[in-house]
Amino acid sequence: MTHEQGCGDDGDRQQYGPWVWTAYRAYNELLREKLKKRFEAQEGPWMDKLSEQLVALVNARWEGGRKGDQVEEEILHKIDQLLKE
C-alpha cells in the first residue's frame, strides 16, 4: 500500500480492512510526534523567548495607558529581534 492509497477513501478502508487504516493512522501519529519533538529540540528555546514576549505584550496592552504604550514598544522591538534570529 502506498501513501496515496488508503488516505481517507472509504472504498480503500473497506478493501484493506480497518486494521490497515488503523496502522496508517498510527504511522501518521508517530510521525507527527517525532516532528513535534524535533521542533521542540531545535526551536524550543526560541519559542520560549517569543512566547514570553507575547505574554508580556498582552499584559502591557491590558494595562494600557501611557506607560503601557512605552512598554509595548519595547516588547515589540524585542519580538522583532527574535524574529530576525
Protein backbone atom coordinates (compact mmCIF):
# COMPACT_ATOMS: atom_id res chain seq x y z
CA MET A 1 0.00 0.00 0.00
CA THR A 2 1.45 3.38 -1.00
CA HIS A 3 0.90 6.64 0.87
CA GLU A 4 -1.65 7.64 -1.75
CA GLN A 5 -3.73 4.54 -1.18
CA GLY A 6 -5.95 4.42 1.84
CA CYS A 7 -5.57 8.11 2.63
CA GLY A 8 -9.19 8.61 3.51
CA ASP A 9 -11.24 6.98 0.79
CA ASP A 10 -13.98 4.79 2.29
CA GLY A 11 -13.59 2.27 -0.52
CA ASP A 12 -9.95 1.73 0.40
CA ARG A 13 -10.88 1.23 4.06
CA GLN A 14 -13.32 -1.49 3.14
CA GLN A 15 -10.91 -3.10 0.66
CA TYR A 16 -7.98 -3.33 3.07
CA GLY A 17 -9.88 -3.67 6.29
CA PRO A 18 -9.95 -1.48 9.37
CA TRP A 19 -6.64 -2.77 10.70
CA VAL A 20 -4.69 -1.28 7.77
CA TRP A 21 -6.45 2.06 8.20
CA THR A 22 -5.59 1.95 11.92
CA ALA A 23 -1.95 1.19 11.11
CA TYR A 24 -1.85 4.10 8.67
CA ARG A 25 -3.27 6.48 11.29
CA ALA A 26 -0.79 5.19 13.90
CA TYR A 27 2.06 5.77 11.45
CA ASN A 28 0.92 9.36 10.91
CA GLU A 29 0.55 9.96 14.65
CA LEU A 30 4.05 8.64 15.27
CA LEU A 31 5.47 10.85 12.52
CA ARG A 32 3.62 13.85 13.97
CA GLU A 33 5.07 13.18 17.44
CA LYS A 34 8.59 12.80 16.05
CA LEU A 35 8.25 16.10 14.19
CA LYS A 36 6.98 17.82 17.33
CA LYS A 37 9.96 16.50 19.31
CA ARG A 38 12.38 17.68 16.62
CA PHE A 39 10.82 21.15 16.53
CA GLU A 40 10.88 21.30 20.34
CA ALA A 41 14.57 20.37 20.42
CA GLN A 42 15.60 22.82 17.72
CA GLU A 43 13.17 25.68 18.18
CA GLY A 44 12.01 25.25 21.78
CA PRO A 45 14.31 27.81 23.41
CA TRP A 46 13.50 30.40 20.75
CA MET A 47 9.77 29.68 21.07
CA ASP A 48 10.04 30.07 24.86
CA LYS A 49 11.58 33.52 24.41
CA LEU A 50 8.95 34.52 21.86
CA SER A 51 6.04 33.28 23.95
CA GLU A 52 7.41 35.14 26.99
CA GLN A 53 7.42 38.38 24.99
CA LEU A 54 3.94 37.74 23.59
CA VAL A 55 2.56 37.26 27.10
CA ALA A 56 4.29 40.47 28.18
CA LEU A 57 2.75 42.27 25.19
CA VAL A 58 -0.74 41.08 26.06
CA ASN A 59 -0.23 42.18 29.67
CA ALA A 60 1.08 45.60 28.57
CA ARG A 61 -1.92 46.11 26.30
CA TRP A 62 -4.23 45.03 29.10
CA GLU A 63 -2.71 47.58 31.47
CA GLY A 64 -2.79 50.25 28.74
CA GLY A 65 -2.15 53.89 29.43
CA ARG A 66 0.88 55.98 28.59
CA LYS A 67 3.30 53.71 30.40
CA GLY A 68 1.75 50.72 28.61
CA ASP A 69 2.50 52.26 25.20
CA GLN A 70 6.19 52.65 26.02
CA VAL A 71 6.42 49.12 27.41
CA GLU A 72 4.53 47.82 24.38
CA GLU A 73 7.03 49.45 22.00
CA GLU A 74 9.93 47.88 23.91
CA ILE A 75 8.30 44.46 23.77
CA LEU A 76 7.53 44.79 20.07
CA HIS A 77 11.19 45.66 19.50
CA LYS A 78 12.25 42.51 21.40
CA ILE A 79 9.82 40.42 19.34
CA ASP A 80 11.19 41.95 16.14
CA GLN A 81 14.72 41.00 17.23
CA LEU A 82 13.63 37.43 17.98
CA LEU A 83 12.01 37.09 14.57
CA LYS A 84 15.24 38.19 12.92
CA GLU A 85 17.28 35.45 14.65
